Protein backbone atom coordinates (compact mmCIF):
# COMPACT_ATOMS: atom_id res chain seq x y z
CA MET A 1 36.40 -12.47 41.14
CA LEU A 2 38.56 -12.16 44.62
CA GLU A 3 37.62 -9.00 45.69
CA TYR A 4 34.04 -9.65 45.31
CA PHE A 5 34.76 -12.90 47.20
CA TRP A 6 35.97 -11.39 49.97
CA CYS A 7 33.10 -8.52 49.42
CA PHE A 8 30.74 -12.02 50.61
CA ILE A 9 32.89 -12.89 53.67
CA ALA A 10 32.31 -9.86 54.89
CA ALA A 11 28.99 -9.29 54.08
CA ALA A 12 28.06 -13.09 55.39
CA LEU A 13 30.07 -12.25 58.72
CA ALA A 14 28.53 -8.91 58.46
CA GLY A 15 25.11 -10.31 59.09
CA ILE A 16 25.89 -12.73 61.54
CA GLY A 17 27.44 -9.93 63.98
CA THR A 18 24.05 -8.51 63.84
CA GLY A 19 22.07 -11.64 64.21
CA LEU A 20 24.00 -12.30 67.73
CA ALA A 21 24.58 -9.71 69.30
CA GLY A 22 23.07 -6.84 67.19
CA LEU A 23 26.48 -5.13 66.39
CA SER A 24 26.14 -2.78 63.85
CA ALA A 25 27.09 -4.56 60.54
CA ALA A 26 30.83 -1.59 59.62
CA THR A 27 32.48 -3.69 62.68
CA VAL A 28 33.34 -6.41 60.34
CA MET A 29 32.54 -5.18 56.82
CA VAL A 30 33.99 -2.32 57.28
CA PRO A 31 38.03 -3.66 58.25
CA VAL A 32 37.85 -6.85 55.87
CA LEU A 33 37.13 -4.41 52.76
CA ILE A 34 39.87 -1.76 53.39
CA VAL A 35 42.11 -4.76 53.96
CA LEU A 36 41.54 -7.53 51.33
CA CYS A 37 39.83 -5.53 48.62
CA PRO A 38 42.31 -3.11 46.65
CA SER A 39 39.80 -1.33 45.04
CA PHE A 40 39.01 0.65 48.49
CA ALA A 41 42.60 1.27 49.41
CA GLY A 42 42.09 4.67 47.67
CA GLU A 43 41.43 8.67 49.58
CA THR A 44 38.02 7.48 50.01
CA GLY A 45 37.87 3.89 50.24
CA ALA A 46 37.39 3.61 54.08
CA TYR A 47 34.59 6.03 53.71
CA GLN A 48 32.70 4.23 50.62
CA ALA A 49 33.45 0.46 52.37
CA THR A 50 30.84 2.06 55.82
CA ALA A 51 28.63 3.35 53.18
CA ILE A 52 28.24 0.31 51.88
CA ALA A 53 28.55 -1.12 55.76
CA LEU A 54 25.72 0.70 56.71
CA ALA A 55 23.36 -0.01 53.96
CA SER A 56 23.66 -3.65 54.15
CA ASP A 57 22.51 -3.05 57.63
CA ILE A 58 19.22 -2.01 57.14
CA LEU A 59 18.05 -5.28 55.91
CA GLY A 60 20.15 -7.11 58.16
CA SER A 61 18.86 -5.51 61.35
CA ALA A 62 15.09 -5.02 60.36
CA VAL A 63 15.18 -8.90 59.72
CA THR A 64 17.08 -9.21 63.00
CA THR A 65 14.43 -6.99 64.87
CA ALA A 66 11.87 -8.75 63.38
CA THR A 67 12.82 -12.34 64.49
CA TYR A 68 13.58 -10.40 68.16
CA ILE A 69 9.76 -8.86 68.24
CA ARG A 70 8.52 -12.64 66.86
CA HIS A 71 10.30 -14.10 70.39
CA LYS A 72 8.91 -11.17 72.37
CA ASN A 73 12.56 -9.51 72.66
CA ILE A 74 12.36 -5.92 71.99
CA ASP A 75 11.29 -2.69 74.54
CA LEU A 76 11.65 0.61 73.25
CA LYS A 77 9.88 1.96 76.58
CA ARG A 78 13.40 1.71 77.93
CA GLY A 79 15.48 2.87 74.30
CA TRP A 80 13.18 5.41 72.57
CA ILE A 81 15.27 8.10 73.84
CA MET A 82 18.67 5.97 72.72
CA LEU A 83 16.60 6.51 69.20
CA VAL A 84 15.45 9.47 69.12
CA CYS A 85 19.11 11.07 69.90
CA ILE A 86 20.79 8.60 67.58
CA LEU A 87 18.56 9.85 64.85
CA SER A 88 19.35 13.19 65.48
CA MET A 89 23.43 12.96 65.26
CA CYS A 90 24.23 10.86 62.50
CA THR A 91 24.33 12.91 59.85
CA VAL A 92 26.55 15.07 61.76
CA GLY A 93 29.25 12.57 62.61
CA SER A 94 28.59 11.28 59.02
CA PHE A 95 29.50 14.94 57.36
CA ALA A 96 32.18 14.72 60.20
CA ALA A 97 33.49 11.17 58.39
CA TRP A 98 34.10 12.64 55.04
CA LYS A 99 36.36 15.69 56.67
CA ALA A 100 38.08 12.60 58.89
CA GLY A 101 39.54 11.28 55.70
CA ASN A 102 40.50 7.40 54.96
CA VAL A 103 43.90 6.81 57.55
CA VAL A 104 41.72 7.74 60.54
CA LEU A 105 38.67 6.02 60.30
CA GLY A 106 40.48 2.73 58.36
CA GLY A 107 42.49 2.61 61.59
CA PHE A 108 39.75 2.90 63.72
CA THR A 109 37.62 -0.06 63.13
CA LEU A 110 40.51 -2.00 62.54
CA PHE A 111 41.19 -1.89 66.17
CA LEU A 112 37.50 -1.19 67.07
CA THR A 113 36.74 -5.10 66.18
CA PHE A 114 39.60 -6.18 67.74
CA CYS A 115 38.68 -4.57 71.45
CA ILE A 116 34.98 -5.52 70.93
CA GLY A 117 36.02 -9.35 70.18
CA ILE A 118 38.28 -9.45 73.86
CA ARG A 119 35.30 -7.14 75.28
CA PHE A 120 32.98 -10.37 74.82
CA LEU A 121 36.03 -13.07 75.75
CA LEU A 122 36.67 -11.09 78.93
CA LYS A 123 33.00 -11.19 79.76
CA PRO A 124 30.58 -13.14 77.24
CA SER A 125 27.57 -11.65 78.90
CA THR A 126 26.79 -7.78 79.55
CA GLU A 127 23.71 -8.08 82.06
CA ARG A 128 23.24 -7.28 85.37
CA LYS A 129 22.56 -9.27 87.72
CA GLU A 130 19.05 -8.48 87.98
CA THR A 131 17.13 -6.99 85.38
CA VAL A 132 14.58 -5.01 84.92
CA SER A 133 10.99 -5.73 83.91
CA LYS A 134 10.24 -5.31 80.52
CA GLY A 135 8.97 -1.62 79.48
CA ALA A 136 9.32 0.30 82.31
CA LYS A 137 9.43 3.01 83.17
CA LEU A 138 13.20 5.05 83.01
CA ASN A 139 13.99 6.95 86.36
CA ALA A 140 16.15 10.46 85.95
CA LYS A 141 19.34 8.31 85.80
CA GLY A 142 17.80 6.60 82.82
CA VAL A 143 17.09 9.48 80.90
CA ALA A 144 20.28 11.04 82.16
CA VAL A 145 22.49 7.78 80.74
CA SER A 146 20.02 7.42 77.37
CA LEU A 147 20.53 11.51 76.90
CA PHE A 148 24.84 10.89 76.96
CA PHE A 149 25.27 7.65 75.17
CA GLY A 150 22.67 8.41 72.62
CA LEU A 151 24.48 11.22 71.44
CA THR A 152 27.46 10.03 71.71
CA ILE A 153 26.47 6.74 69.70
CA GLY A 154 24.30 8.52 67.27
CA PHE A 155 27.70 10.95 66.07
CA GLY A 156 30.16 7.73 66.07
CA THR A 157 27.58 5.43 63.97
CA GLY A 158 27.88 8.43 61.53
CA PHE A 159 31.41 9.22 61.99
CA VAL A 160 32.95 5.20 62.10
CA GLY A 161 29.59 3.44 60.77
CA SER A 162 30.37 1.17 63.60
CA GLY A 163 30.40 0.60 67.11
CA GLY A 164 26.80 2.08 67.08
CA GLY A 165 24.63 -1.62 67.77
CA MET A 166 27.54 -2.48 70.27
CA MET A 167 27.60 0.47 73.03
CA MET A 168 23.96 0.47 72.95
CA LEU A 169 23.94 -2.87 73.95
CA VAL A 170 26.67 -2.27 77.01
CA VAL A 171 24.64 0.74 77.43
CA PHE A 172 20.90 -1.16 77.62
CA THR A 173 22.23 -4.11 79.98
CA ALA A 174 24.64 -2.60 81.24
CA PHE A 175 23.48 1.09 83.00
CA LEU A 176 19.08 0.43 81.93
CA GLY A 177 18.97 -3.04 83.26
CA MET A 178 17.70 -4.96 80.35
CA GLY A 179 18.35 -8.38 79.40
CA LEU A 180 20.70 -9.35 76.70
CA LYS A 181 17.91 -10.33 74.58
CA PRO A 182 15.41 -7.79 74.86
CA ALA A 183 18.95 -5.45 74.75
CA VAL A 184 19.92 -6.70 71.19
CA GLY A 185 16.24 -6.67 70.06
CA THR A 186 16.06 -3.00 70.87
CA SER A 187 19.79 -1.98 69.36
CA THR A 188 19.14 -3.79 66.13
CA PHE A 189 15.45 -1.93 65.51
CA ILE A 190 17.33 1.31 66.60
CA MET A 191 19.92 0.58 64.05
CA THR A 192 18.21 0.17 61.09
CA PHE A 193 16.48 3.78 61.18
CA THR A 194 20.10 4.86 61.84
CA ALA A 195 21.59 2.62 58.93
CA LEU A 196 19.03 3.90 56.39
CA ILE A 197 20.30 8.09 58.01
CA ALA A 198 23.91 7.60 57.99
CA SER A 199 23.94 5.27 54.63
CA ALA A 200 22.07 7.73 53.05
CA SER A 201 23.69 11.13 54.16
CA HIS A 202 27.03 9.30 53.53
CA ILE A 203 25.72 8.92 49.79
CA LEU A 204 24.50 12.01 49.70
CA ILE A 205 28.04 13.59 50.22
CA HIS A 206 29.39 10.73 48.27
CA PRO A 207 27.28 9.50 45.38
CA ALA A 208 30.54 7.15 43.55
CA ILE A 209 29.10 5.18 46.25
CA VAL A 210 26.10 4.27 44.17
CA LEU A 211 27.64 5.41 40.82
CA GLU A 212 30.76 3.15 40.83
CA ARG A 213 29.64 0.22 44.11
CA TRP A 214 26.28 -0.71 42.55
CA ASN A 215 26.48 -4.31 42.39
CA ILE A 216 29.00 -4.93 45.43
CA LEU A 217 26.65 -2.71 47.10
CA LEU A 218 23.73 -4.57 46.17
CA LEU A 219 26.12 -8.05 46.38
CA CYS A 220 26.69 -7.08 50.50
CA MET A 221 23.32 -6.29 50.92
CA VAL A 222 21.79 -9.53 49.83
CA VAL A 223 24.45 -11.79 51.84
CA ALA A 224 23.76 -9.57 55.02
CA THR A 225 20.10 -10.15 55.29
CA VAL A 226 20.07 -13.47 54.94
CA PHE A 227 23.49 -14.38 57.40
CA SER A 228 21.40 -11.97 60.03
CA LEU A 229 18.11 -14.04 59.59
CA VAL A 230 19.73 -17.55 60.60
CA SER A 231 22.29 -16.60 63.33
CA ALA A 232 19.19 -14.17 64.97
CA ARG A 233 17.41 -17.30 64.77
CA PHE A 234 19.64 -19.36 66.64
CA ALA A 235 20.89 -16.68 68.45
CA ASN A 236 16.67 -16.71 70.17
CA GLN A 237 17.73 -20.23 71.06
CA VAL A 238 20.88 -20.67 72.48
CA ASP A 239 21.65 -18.57 76.57
CA ASN A 240 22.96 -15.80 76.54
CA ARG A 241 26.63 -16.79 77.26
CA THR A 242 27.31 -19.17 74.65
CA VAL A 243 25.95 -15.74 72.24
CA GLY A 244 28.95 -13.70 74.03
CA LEU A 245 31.64 -16.10 73.27
CA VAL A 246 30.58 -17.40 70.04
CA THR A 247 30.90 -13.58 69.16
CA GLY A 248 34.16 -12.63 70.40
CA VAL A 249 35.79 -15.15 69.24
CA VAL A 250 34.28 -14.62 66.02
CA LEU A 251 35.72 -10.98 66.50
CA THR A 252 38.54 -11.15 68.23
CA LEU A 253 40.20 -13.45 65.63
CA LEU A 254 38.98 -11.17 62.29
CA GLY A 255 40.24 -7.74 64.13
CA GLY A 256 43.74 -9.82 64.91
CA THR A 257 44.28 -10.76 61.45
CA MET A 258 42.68 -7.86 60.19
CA ILE A 259 45.27 -5.49 62.00
CA VAL A 260 48.50 -8.00 60.72
CA LEU A 261 47.30 -7.98 57.34
CA HIS A 262 46.62 -4.28 57.35
CA TYR A 263 49.61 -3.07 58.72
CA TRP A 264 51.18 -6.75 57.30
CA GLU A 265 54.26 -4.24 55.14
CA THR A 266 55.57 -2.33 58.27
CA ILE A 267 55.42 -6.08 60.17
CA CYS A 268 57.72 -7.48 57.84
CA THR A 269 60.14 -5.13 57.75
CA TRP A 270 63.51 -5.74 59.82
CA SER A 271 63.65 -2.74 60.91
CA ILE A 272 59.98 -2.90 62.94
CA LEU A 273 60.61 -6.93 64.35
CA SER A 274 63.80 -5.78 65.22
CA GLU A 275 62.98 -2.86 66.94
CA VAL A 276 59.82 -4.36 68.91
CA LEU A 277 62.45 -7.33 69.44
CA VAL A 278 65.14 -4.80 71.66
CA CYS A 279 62.19 -3.02 72.91
CA PHE A 280 60.72 -6.19 74.79
CA GLY A 281 64.68 -7.25 75.64
CA LYS A 282 64.78 -3.56 77.46
CA TYR A 283 61.55 -4.21 78.98
CA LEU A 284 61.70 -7.49 80.14
CA LEU A 285 65.34 -5.72 82.09
CA PHE A 286 63.33 -3.43 83.98
CA ILE A 287 60.35 -6.18 84.55
CA ILE A 288 62.18 -8.87 85.47
CA PRO A 289 63.99 -7.60 88.51
CA ALA A 290 61.39 -5.02 90.18
CA ALA A 291 59.23 -7.89 89.80
CA LEU A 292 61.66 -10.18 92.15
CA PHE A 293 62.40 -6.82 94.11
CA LEU A 294 58.95 -7.04 95.19
CA ILE A 295 58.43 -10.60 95.79
CA LEU A 296 61.45 -10.41 97.49
CA LEU A 297 61.05 -7.45 100.08
CA HIS A 298 57.34 -9.32 100.45
CA VAL A 299 58.48 -12.50 101.39
CA VAL A 300 61.31 -11.09 103.38
CA LEU A 301 59.81 -7.58 105.05
CA LYS A 302 56.21 -9.07 105.42
CA ILE A 303 54.55 -6.22 103.63
CA GLU A 304 51.03 -5.33 104.24
CA ARG A 305 48.82 -7.25 101.16
CA GLU A 306 47.78 -4.20 100.58
CA VAL A 307 50.69 -2.20 99.72
CA PHE A 308 52.28 -5.21 98.23
CA ARG A 309 49.37 -5.34 95.77
CA LYS A 310 49.89 -1.50 94.81
CA LEU A 311 53.38 -2.05 94.69
CA LEU A 312 52.91 -4.90 92.27
CA HIS A 313 49.64 -2.66 90.24
CA ILE A 314 53.32 0.65 90.12
CA ALA A 315 55.61 -1.87 88.59
CA ALA A 316 52.78 -3.12 85.83
CA PHE A 317 51.32 0.68 85.04
CA SER A 318 54.82 2.15 84.61
CA SER A 319 55.44 -0.54 81.94
CA THR A 320 53.75 2.01 79.32
CA ALA A 321 56.39 4.54 80.24
CA VAL A 322 59.86 2.09 79.76
CA ILE A 323 58.65 0.79 76.74
CA VAL A 324 57.59 4.17 74.96
CA TYR A 325 60.78 5.64 76.17
CA HIS A 326 62.47 2.47 74.49
CA ALA A 327 60.72 3.03 71.09
CA GLN A 328 61.56 4.41 67.88
CA ARG A 329 57.83 3.94 66.74
CA TRP A 330 53.89 4.02 68.12
CA GLN A 331 53.33 0.48 66.32
CA ALA A 332 56.48 -1.03 67.93
CA ALA A 333 55.77 -0.16 71.07
CA CYS A 334 52.07 -1.25 70.99
CA LEU A 335 53.42 -4.42 69.83
CA THR A 336 55.42 -4.84 72.95
CA LEU A 337 52.50 -4.47 75.02
CA VAL A 338 50.20 -6.84 73.28
CA LEU A 339 53.09 -9.43 73.00
CA PHE A 340 54.04 -9.64 76.85
CA ALA A 341 49.96 -9.96 77.52
CA VAL A 342 50.29 -12.86 75.37
CA ILE A 343 53.01 -14.47 76.33
CA VAL A 344 52.63 -13.54 79.95
CA TYR A 345 48.81 -14.11 80.18
CA PRO A 346 49.15 -18.15 79.29
CA LEU A 347 52.26 -17.86 81.91
CA LEU A 348 49.63 -16.87 85.09
CA HIS A 349 46.54 -19.08 84.05
CA LEU A 350 49.55 -22.67 84.32
CA ALA A 351 50.24 -20.57 87.36
CA GLU A 352 47.32 -20.09 89.38
CA ARG A 353 47.58 -23.87 89.66
CA TRP A 354 50.01 -23.57 92.54
CA ARG A 355 48.59 -22.93 95.86
CA GLY A 356 50.94 -20.10 96.79
CA TYR A 357 49.77 -18.91 93.97
CA GLY A 358 47.22 -15.94 95.42
CA ASN A 359 48.93 -15.03 98.80
CA LEU A 360 52.06 -14.17 96.57
CA PHE A 361 49.67 -11.61 94.32
CA VAL A 362 47.26 -10.62 96.57
CA GLN A 363 44.44 -11.37 95.28
CA ARG A 364 41.03 -10.41 95.36
CA ARG A 365 39.01 -13.12 93.13
CA THR A 366 39.78 -16.02 90.80
CA GLY A 367 41.57 -15.11 87.94
CA GLU A 368 41.71 -11.00 89.62
CA VAL A 369 45.96 -10.61 87.92
CA LYS A 370 45.66 -12.69 84.92
CA LYS A 371 42.47 -10.57 83.95
CA SER A 372 43.74 -7.06 85.30
CA LEU A 373 46.95 -7.79 83.34
CA LEU A 374 45.74 -8.35 79.82
CA ILE A 375 43.14 -5.37 80.44
CA LEU A 376 46.36 -2.99 80.95
CA PHE A 377 48.34 -4.25 78.74
CA LEU A 378 45.69 -4.28 75.82
CA THR A 379 44.09 -1.24 77.25
CA ASP A 380 47.47 0.66 77.28
CA ALA A 381 48.53 -0.60 73.66
CA VAL A 382 45.18 1.07 72.74
CA LEU A 383 46.25 3.88 73.84
CA VAL A 384 49.81 4.82 72.29
CA ALA A 385 48.06 3.75 69.56
CA ILE A 386 45.53 6.90 69.74
CA ALA A 387 47.79 9.29 70.90
CA TRP A 388 50.87 8.12 69.09
CA GLY A 389 49.98 6.72 66.39
CA ILE A 390 47.02 9.37 65.50
CA PHE A 391 48.04 12.66 67.30
CA ASP A 392 52.03 11.73 67.35
CA LEU A 393 51.18 13.21 70.76
CA PRO A 394 52.70 10.24 73.42
CA PHE A 395 53.06 12.04 76.20
CA VAL A 396 49.42 12.14 76.57
CA ALA A 397 48.67 8.43 77.13
CA VAL A 398 52.08 8.14 79.11
CA THR A 399 50.52 10.94 81.39
CA ALA A 400 47.05 9.72 81.64
CA ILE A 401 48.05 5.75 82.64
CA PHE A 402 50.18 8.09 85.28
CA MET A 403 47.86 9.43 86.53
CA TRP A 404 45.66 6.93 87.22
CA GLY A 405 48.15 4.01 88.44
CA CYS A 406 49.05 6.61 91.50
CA GLY A 407 45.88 8.08 91.34
CA ASP A 408 44.47 4.28 92.23
CA GLY A 409 46.90 2.90 94.80
CA ALA A 410 46.14 6.54 96.48
CA ALA A 411 42.26 6.27 96.39
CA ALA A 412 42.60 2.52 97.78
CA LEU A 413 45.80 3.21 100.37
CA VAL A 414 44.48 6.26 101.79
CA GLY A 415 40.73 4.88 101.46
CA LYS A 416 40.88 1.83 103.53
CA ARG A 417 43.30 3.32 105.99
CA TYR A 418 41.75 6.72 106.74
CA GLY A 419 38.07 6.18 104.49
CA LYS A 420 35.13 7.61 107.27
CA HIS A 421 33.14 9.14 104.88
CA HIS A 422 31.27 7.34 101.97
CA VAL A 423 30.19 8.44 99.26
CA LYS A 424 26.96 8.91 98.61
CA LEU A 425 26.83 10.61 94.92
CA LYS A 426 24.52 8.82 92.49
CA TRP A 427 26.06 5.67 90.19
CA ALA A 428 28.72 5.92 92.70
CA ASP A 429 30.05 3.07 93.99
CA GLU A 430 28.82 2.44 97.94
CA LYS A 431 32.75 1.60 99.00
CA LYS A 432 34.60 4.26 97.99
CA THR A 433 34.98 7.08 100.28
CA TRP A 434 35.51 11.01 99.62
CA GLU A 435 39.15 10.48 101.50
CA GLY A 436 40.07 8.33 99.06
CA SER A 437 38.71 9.98 96.38
CA CYS A 438 40.66 13.44 97.74
CA GLY A 439 43.48 10.92 97.41
CA MET A 440 43.33 9.97 94.12
CA LEU A 441 42.15 13.58 92.98
CA LEU A 442 45.64 14.96 94.91
CA VAL A 443 48.17 12.49 93.86
CA SER A 444 46.75 12.35 90.12
CA ALA A 445 46.50 15.84 89.50
CA VAL A 446 50.93 16.54 90.89
CA VAL A 447 51.85 13.27 88.86
CA GLY A 448 50.24 14.28 85.78
CA VAL A 449 52.18 17.93 86.59
CA ILE A 450 55.03 15.85 87.06
CA CYS A 451 54.71 14.34 83.58
CA MET A 452 53.83 16.52 81.78
CA LEU A 453 56.67 19.02 83.02
CA LEU A 454 59.15 15.92 82.14
CA MET A 455 57.80 15.77 79.03
CA THR A 456 57.30 19.20 77.70
CA ALA A 457 58.32 22.27 77.73
CA LEU A 458 55.36 24.05 78.52
CA PRO A 459 54.97 25.88 81.84
CA TRP A 460 53.73 24.50 84.93
CA TYR A 461 50.81 26.77 85.19
CA GLN A 462 50.12 25.42 81.50
CA CYS A 463 50.60 22.19 82.28
CA LEU A 464 48.05 22.72 85.39
CA LEU A 465 45.04 24.08 83.86
CA MET A 466 45.29 20.41 81.18
CA VAL A 467 45.38 17.67 84.07
CA LEU A 468 43.11 19.18 86.23
CA PRO A 469 40.53 18.43 84.76
CA ALA A 470 41.48 15.13 83.32
CA ALA A 471 41.69 14.45 87.28
CA VAL A 472 38.30 15.31 88.19
CA PHE A 473 37.24 13.47 85.46
CA GLY A 474 39.04 10.51 85.95
CA THR A 475 38.35 11.12 89.97
CA TYR A 476 34.35 10.96 89.28
CA THR A 477 35.31 7.22 86.68
CA GLU A 478 36.70 5.95 89.31
CA LEU A 479 33.71 6.48 91.99
CA ILE A 480 31.69 4.46 89.42
CA THR A 481 33.30 2.63 87.73
CA LYS A 482 32.86 -0.85 89.28
CA ASN A 483 34.08 -5.01 89.24
CA GLY A 484 37.58 -3.49 88.83
CA ASN A 485 36.92 -2.51 85.17
CA ASP A 486 38.35 1.33 86.16
CA THR A 487 41.75 -0.01 84.60
CA ALA A 488 40.14 0.74 81.19
CA THR A 489 37.63 3.03 82.40
CA VAL A 490 40.17 5.53 84.34
CA PRO A 491 43.08 5.35 81.71
CA ALA A 492 40.66 6.02 78.46
CA VAL A 493 38.36 8.93 80.45
CA ASN A 494 42.24 10.73 80.83
CA THR A 495 43.98 10.74 77.46
CA ALA A 496 40.44 11.81 76.13
CA VAL A 497 39.90 14.89 78.22
CA LEU A 498 44.38 15.28 78.22
CA LEU A 499 43.53 14.82 74.05
CA VAL A 500 40.64 17.50 73.87
CA LEU A 501 42.90 19.83 75.21
CA THR A 502 45.88 19.56 74.15
CA VAL A 503 44.68 20.35 70.67
CA LEU A 504 42.85 22.71 71.46
CA SER A 505 45.92 24.54 73.48
CA GLY A 506 47.56 23.98 69.77
CA VAL A 507 50.42 22.77 71.53
């Protein structure tokens, strides 16, 4: 009976997420099922949980779509390319999920839920300041964006069954200019069909989902549908910021709770706790003297504001290397990064009341330092978990973060001092210059090679061949990323490229 209770809770939360923000049911349902329901803990447990969540998504997304259509909040003219691409890749992703297995699938879903929740809390509304009118045709940029994200989201939806709704929401609002509610309505319309195809693929590959789990499947489908309808009606009656904040609170709490419960046995052991405390203590021995020295340097020598800003930047991003060096396991490194962010964020929030805070930490916008620090440390924790925890390649995360940190600093300093030729490429930030971008490309490549030589036994030419593509993609990502979000986007892109090349090279 207890397992049925948790299935009910999982389906209810999934329905709320679908109705509020167009999230896939699996974003919420899969973490609850694999952590709190013992029967989903087996070898194929996460795969079965994903299939049940996808099946629950069919009716849940359908009734949500109907509600948004009733309020005229849907725009298929700007979403049809995404629809075609996503539908075409669902089956491929489903087959890949079966091959990937329970460990990769379940762990990925847990961290994805938590990260999506944090994203909503940091920015409750994904809308641009200027939105396009409903039914406006896609331009060449919109077509390219739709093709790229449609294919990748389609594969991801079939693979993990979650994240598709959230990713569509971000693409529709941030890249294609839709309002939040039309974006939710359009994404749930697409999810109705993707859930149908992906769930059918899962069931055909693993028929035991229906033969052995029919009772749980039926319960989850009914509950998710009811709660999707109720939350969709609520979402269409309140403002976008309220919807985003409610979604962020629910997913952050759920994701964090599920991660703790999933790794509870590991966390509860004295070895991991002592390791985190030791690692955290050694890190403090690095970061406190470094911060005090830089502040003293700034006060005494009157260092230029932008230079001082980048010196603080160096101390922050080098933290990951220090923590990874002292940690014995990836769990300890990730927990130390998260622990520092959790402690420092509220302290900085309180310190903002001090009049000299903005001058000391050189803020461009109110709250910039604390927000950037939170994004940096949480992003680094996720990258370490992926590179070290899944692929056992900790040097990849460290290299990627150093490439971003040093390259970004070079881009800012070179661009401000010598930048005269602004980049005119499509999607690029108009403030960026070719001189700054060249500085970032060169510095990130050199730093990447040095990191690889220090942390691996690879020859210099192989390090260079692996680092150069990452430096190019990272530099381009920095060019098109706005509002300071390169703190997350560039390290993520660097890590992805380095992981692909490292795995392909057989290192």
